[in-house]
C-alpha atoms as a PDB file:
ATOM      1  CA  MET A   1     -65.163 171.990 224.215  1.00  0.00           C
ATOM      2  CA  ALA A   2     -62.026 170.730 222.473  1.00  0.00           C
ATOM      3  CA  ARG A   3     -59.863 172.909 224.702  1.00  0.00           C
ATOM      4  CA  ALA A   4     -61.280 171.317 227.849  1.00  0.00           C
ATOM      5  CA  ARG A   5     -60.395 167.813 226.604  1.00  0.00           C
ATOM      6  CA  TRP A   6     -56.885 168.981 225.675  1.00  0.00           C
ATOM      7  CA  ALA A   7     -56.368 170.479 229.123  1.00  0.00           C
ATOM      8  CA  THR A   8     -57.593 167.307 230.804  1.00  0.00           C
ATOM      9  CA  ARG A   9     -55.198 165.139 228.789  1.00  0.00           C
ATOM     10  CA  THR A  10     -52.335 167.479 229.651  1.00  0.00           C
ATOM     11  CA  ALA A  11     -53.078 167.602 233.375  1.00  0.00           C
ATOM     12  CA  THR A  12     -53.770 163.897 233.903  1.00  0.00           C
ATOM     13  CA  PRO A  13     -50.124 162.728 233.689  1.00  0.00           C
ATOM     14  CA  SER A  14     -49.152 165.356 236.267  1.00  0.00           C
ATOM     15  CA  TRP A  15     -50.680 163.152 238.974  1.00  0.00           C
ATOM     16  CA  GLY A  16     -47.888 160.637 238.405  1.00  0.00           C
ATOM     17  CA  ARG A  17     -45.016 163.072 238.815  1.00  0.00           C
ATOM     18  CA  PRO A  18     -45.082 163.781 242.584  1.00  0.00           C
ATOM     19  CA  PRO A  19     -45.062 160.052 243.439  1.00  0.00           C
ATOM     20  CA  GLY A  20     -42.087 159.750 241.083  1.00  0.00           C
ATOM     21  CA  LEU A  21     -40.258 162.380 243.088  1.00  0.00           C
ATOM     22  CA  LEU A  22     -41.102 160.467 246.257  1.00  0.00           C
ATOM     23  CA  LEU A  23     -39.671 157.286 244.740  1.00  0.00           C
ATOM     24  CA  ARG A  24     -36.499 159.251 244.048  1.00  0.00           C
ATOM     25  CA  LEU A  25     -36.216 159.931 247.767  1.00  0.00           C
ATOM     26  CA  LEU A  26     -36.717 156.221 248.423  1.00  0.00           C
ATOM     27  CA  GLY A  27     -33.772 155.239 246.247  1.00  0.00           C
ATOM     28  CA  MET A  28     -34.837 155.169 242.595  1.00  0.00           C
ATOM     29  CA  PRO A  29     -32.864 158.109 241.097  1.00  0.00           C
ATOM     30  CA  PRO A  30     -33.681 157.708 237.364  1.00  0.00           C
ATOM     31  CA  LEU A  31     -37.422 157.666 238.024  1.00  0.00           C
ATOM     32  CA  GLY A  32     -37.194 160.756 240.232  1.00  0.00           C
ATOM     33  CA  ILE A  33     -35.165 162.660 237.644  1.00  0.00           C
ATOM     34  CA  ALA A  34     -37.684 161.768 234.945  1.00  0.00           C
ATOM     35  CA  ALA A  35     -40.545 162.900 237.185  1.00  0.00           C
ATOM     36  CA  GLY A  36     -38.777 166.170 237.919  1.00  0.00           C
ATOM     37  CA  ALA A  37     -38.154 166.786 234.230  1.00  0.00           C
ATOM     38  CA  GLY A  38     -41.843 166.158 233.577  1.00  0.00           C
ATOM     39  CA  LEU A  39     -42.817 168.687 236.229  1.00  0.00           C
ATOM     40  CA  VAL A  40     -40.463 171.258 234.743  1.00  0.00           C
ATOM     41  CA  ALA A  41     -41.975 170.727 231.288  1.00  0.00           C
ATOM     42  CA  PHE A  42     -45.497 170.955 232.707  1.00  0.00           C
ATOM     43  CA  PHE A  43     -44.874 174.246 234.512  1.00  0.00           C
ATOM     44  CA  VAL A  44     -43.001 175.755 231.561  1.00  0.00           C
ATOM     45  CA  GLY A  45     -46.174 175.081 229.595  1.00  0.00           C
ATOM     46  CA  ALA A  46     -48.296 176.594 232.360  1.00  0.00           C
ATOM     47  CA  VAL A  47     -46.239 179.793 232.475  1.00  0.00           C
ATOM     48  CA  GLY A  48     -46.260 179.998 228.673  1.00  0.00           C
ATOM     49  CA  THR A  49     -50.024 179.580 228.573  1.00  0.00           C
ATOM     50  CA  HIS A  50     -50.489 182.321 231.171  1.00  0.00           C
ATOM     51  CA  VAL A  51     -48.338 184.690 229.122  1.00  0.00           C
ATOM     52  CA  VAL A  52     -49.989 183.858 225.790  1.00  0.00           C
ATOM     53  CA  LYS A  53     -53.493 184.213 227.196  1.00  0.00           C
ATOM     54  CA  GLY A  54     -52.602 187.400 229.055  1.00  0.00           C
ATOM     55  CA  VAL A  55     -53.583 186.059 232.469  1.00  0.00           C
ATOM     56  CA  LEU A  56     -50.822 187.741 234.411  1.00  0.00           C
ATOM     57  CA  HIS A  57     -52.626 188.514 237.662  1.00  0.00           C
ATOM     58  CA  ASN A  58     -51.904 185.032 239.063  1.00  0.00           C
ATOM     59  CA  ILE A  59     -48.750 184.055 237.166  1.00  0.00           C
ATOM     60  CA  ALA A  60     -46.767 183.992 240.424  1.00  0.00           C
ATOM     61  CA  PHE A  61     -48.180 180.570 241.299  1.00  0.00           C
ATOM     62  CA  PRO A  62     -46.934 178.626 238.255  1.00  0.00           C
ATOM     63  CA  ILE A  63     -43.624 180.530 238.357  1.00  0.00           C
ATOM     64  CA  THR A  64     -43.152 179.505 241.995  1.00  0.00           C
ATOM     65  CA  PHE A  65     -43.934 175.866 241.244  1.00  0.00           C
ATOM     66  CA  LEU A  66     -41.634 176.001 238.200  1.00  0.00           C
ATOM     67  CA  ALA A  67     -38.788 177.274 240.380  1.00  0.00           C
ATOM     68  CA  LEU A  68     -39.395 174.480 242.890  1.00  0.00           C
ATOM     69  CA  ALA A  69     -39.489 171.856 240.131  1.00  0.00           C
ATOM     70  CA  ILE A  70     -36.268 173.166 238.591  1.00  0.00           C
ATOM     71  CA  SER A  71     -34.472 173.221 241.930  1.00  0.00           C
ATOM     72  CA  SER A  72     -35.589 169.724 242.961  1.00  0.00           C
ATOM     73  CA  THR A  73     -34.626 168.323 239.551  1.00  0.00           C
ATOM     74  CA  ALA A  74     -31.244 170.030 239.669  1.00  0.00           C
ATOM     75  CA  LEU A  75     -30.623 168.602 243.133  1.00  0.00           C
ATOM     76  CA  ALA A  76     -31.631 165.123 241.949  1.00  0.00           C
ATOM     77  CA  ILE A  77     -29.251 165.333 238.991  1.00  0.00           C
ATOM     78  CA  GLY A  78     -26.443 166.645 241.208  1.00  0.00           C
ATOM     79  CA  ARG A  79     -26.537 163.688 243.562  1.00  0.00           C
END
């Protein structure tokens, strides 16, 4: 049961990150960069958890989202 609460606390802040990226597009660069960095950290944790737990049959999904988060954050920093 403790693991479920930990996972919920970890996933809850992820709802705030996509709107942060949208605000970046609307002209608030520091907030968008922070949101992108949060997404990168979240998906690094997701990929790490998949590897540690040995759940490799669907690891392509978090790796894909990690690549998208890294690329969007890099583009936001480069502007």
